[in-house]
Amino acid sequence: MKNIRIERLNDAFQEEISKIIATEVKDDDLKFITITEVDASTDLSYAKVYVSSFMQDKSVEKGVKGLQS
């Protein structure tokens, strides 16, 4: 079971990443990507960010590559 502190941080990361995508990112392919979950490690050395979209697969791949850069 994860620490409650980590769970709160995961929620905060998810909210902040979503806000950044909505307000600061100019790429239209990223506008339709939703951050569904963030899973940070217990030592906070890394985090997995899960996304979803209703767009076509090619656009989603392009959007995810844009997020990774």
C-alpha atoms as a PDB file:
ATOM      1  CA  MET A   1       0.000   0.000   0.000  1.00  0.00           C
ATOM      2  CA  LYS A   2       1.286   3.424  -0.956  1.00  0.00           C
ATOM      3  CA  ASN A   3       1.996   6.165   1.488  1.00  0.00           C
ATOM      4  CA  ILE A   4      -0.795   8.762   1.786  1.00  0.00           C
ATOM      5  CA  ARG A   5       1.813  11.469   1.131  1.00  0.00           C
ATOM      6  CA  ILE A   6       2.735   9.853  -2.200  1.00  0.00           C
ATOM      7  CA  GLU A   7      -0.940   9.559  -3.153  1.00  0.00           C
ATOM      8  CA  ARG A   8      -1.457  13.259  -2.457  1.00  0.00           C
ATOM      9  CA  LEU A   9       1.601  14.114  -4.515  1.00  0.00           C
ATOM     10  CA  ASN A  10       0.333  11.918  -7.359  1.00  0.00           C
ATOM     11  CA  ASP A  11      -2.941  13.852  -7.348  1.00  0.00           C
ATOM     12  CA  ALA A  12      -1.099  17.185  -7.257  1.00  0.00           C
ATOM     13  CA  PHE A  13       1.186  16.132 -10.128  1.00  0.00           C
ATOM     14  CA  GLN A  14      -1.808  15.033 -12.187  1.00  0.00           C
ATOM     15  CA  GLU A  15      -3.596  18.331 -11.612  1.00  0.00           C
ATOM     16  CA  GLU A  16      -0.548  20.472 -12.386  1.00  0.00           C
ATOM     17  CA  ILE A  17       0.411  18.560 -15.533  1.00  0.00           C
ATOM     18  CA  SER A  18      -3.176  18.864 -16.771  1.00  0.00           C
ATOM     19  CA  LYS A  19      -3.170  22.621 -16.100  1.00  0.00           C
ATOM     20  CA  ILE A  20       0.127  23.083 -17.931  1.00  0.00           C
ATOM     21  CA  ILE A  21      -1.130  21.187 -20.972  1.00  0.00           C
ATOM     22  CA  ALA A  22      -4.372  23.185 -21.004  1.00  0.00           C
ATOM     23  CA  THR A  23      -2.842  26.637 -20.573  1.00  0.00           C
ATOM     24  CA  GLU A  24       0.748  26.678 -21.782  1.00  0.00           C
ATOM     25  CA  VAL A  25       1.100  24.068 -24.525  1.00  0.00           C
ATOM     26  CA  LYS A  26       0.461  25.351 -28.038  1.00  0.00           C
ATOM     27  CA  ASP A  27       0.482  21.969 -29.825  1.00  0.00           C
ATOM     28  CA  ASP A  28      -3.073  21.064 -30.899  1.00  0.00           C
ATOM     29  CA  ASP A  29      -2.295  17.343 -30.700  1.00  0.00           C
ATOM     30  CA  LEU A  30      -1.742  17.716 -26.956  1.00  0.00           C
ATOM     31  CA  LYS A  31      -4.945  19.641 -26.268  1.00  0.00           C
ATOM     32  CA  PHE A  32      -7.018  16.461 -26.465  1.00  0.00           C
ATOM     33  CA  ILE A  33      -4.812  14.320 -24.225  1.00  0.00           C
ATOM     34  CA  THR A  34      -6.067  13.665 -20.696  1.00  0.00           C
ATOM     35  CA  ILE A  35      -3.792  12.805 -17.794  1.00  0.00           C
ATOM     36  CA  THR A  36      -5.576   9.866 -16.177  1.00  0.00           C
ATOM     37  CA  GLU A  37      -3.103   8.861 -13.469  1.00  0.00           C
ATOM     38  CA  VAL A  38       0.325   9.608 -12.047  1.00  0.00           C
ATOM     39  CA  ASP A  39       2.268   6.935 -10.200  1.00  0.00           C
ATOM     40  CA  ALA A  40       5.367   8.307  -8.440  1.00  0.00           C
ATOM     41  CA  SER A  41       7.903   6.014  -6.818  1.00  0.00           C
ATOM     42  CA  THR A  42       8.137   6.079  -3.031  1.00  0.00           C
ATOM     43  CA  ASP A  43      11.502   7.865  -3.168  1.00  0.00           C
ATOM     44  CA  LEU A  44      10.141  10.323  -5.796  1.00  0.00           C
ATOM     45  CA  SER A  45      13.000   9.517  -8.180  1.00  0.00           C
ATOM     46  CA  TYR A  46      10.597   8.930 -11.079  1.00  0.00           C
ATOM     47  CA  ALA A  47       6.916   8.961 -11.956  1.00  0.00           C
ATOM     48  CA  LYS A  48       4.828   7.253 -14.616  1.00  0.00           C
ATOM     49  CA  VAL A  49       2.214   9.493 -16.200  1.00  0.00           C
ATOM     50  CA  TYR A  50      -0.728   7.735 -17.826  1.00  0.00           C
ATOM     51  CA  VAL A  51      -2.641   9.480 -20.601  1.00  0.00           C
ATOM     52  CA  SER A  52      -5.743   8.835 -22.664  1.00  0.00           C
ATOM     53  CA  SER A  53      -7.316  10.413 -25.711  1.00  0.00           C
ATOM     54  CA  PHE A  54     -10.231   9.928 -28.050  1.00  0.00           C
ATOM     55  CA  MET A  55      -8.173  10.916 -31.095  1.00  0.00           C
ATOM     56  CA  GLN A  56      -6.784   8.562 -33.729  1.00  0.00           C
ATOM     57  CA  ASP A  57      -3.765   6.445 -32.789  1.00  0.00           C
ATOM     58  CA  LYS A  58      -1.299   8.421 -34.938  1.00  0.00           C
ATOM     59  CA  SER A  59      -2.295  11.696 -33.299  1.00  0.00           C
ATOM     60  CA  VAL A  60      -2.018  10.152 -29.839  1.00  0.00           C
ATOM     61  CA  GLU A  61       1.464   8.806 -30.623  1.00  0.00           C
ATOM     62  CA  LYS A  62       2.500  12.229 -31.885  1.00  0.00           C
ATOM     63  CA  GLY A  63       1.073  13.860 -28.771  1.00  0.00           C
ATOM     64  CA  VAL A  64       2.838  11.471 -26.410  1.00  0.00           C
ATOM     65  CA  LYS A  65       6.131  12.045 -28.238  1.00  0.00           C
ATOM     66  CA  GLY A  66       5.558  15.764 -27.792  1.00  0.00           C
ATOM     67  CA  LEU A  67       5.068  15.267 -24.058  1.00  0.00           C
ATOM     68  CA  GLN A  68       8.231  13.214 -23.803  1.00  0.00           C
ATOM     69  CA  SER A  69      10.384  15.883 -25.446  1.00  0.00           C
END
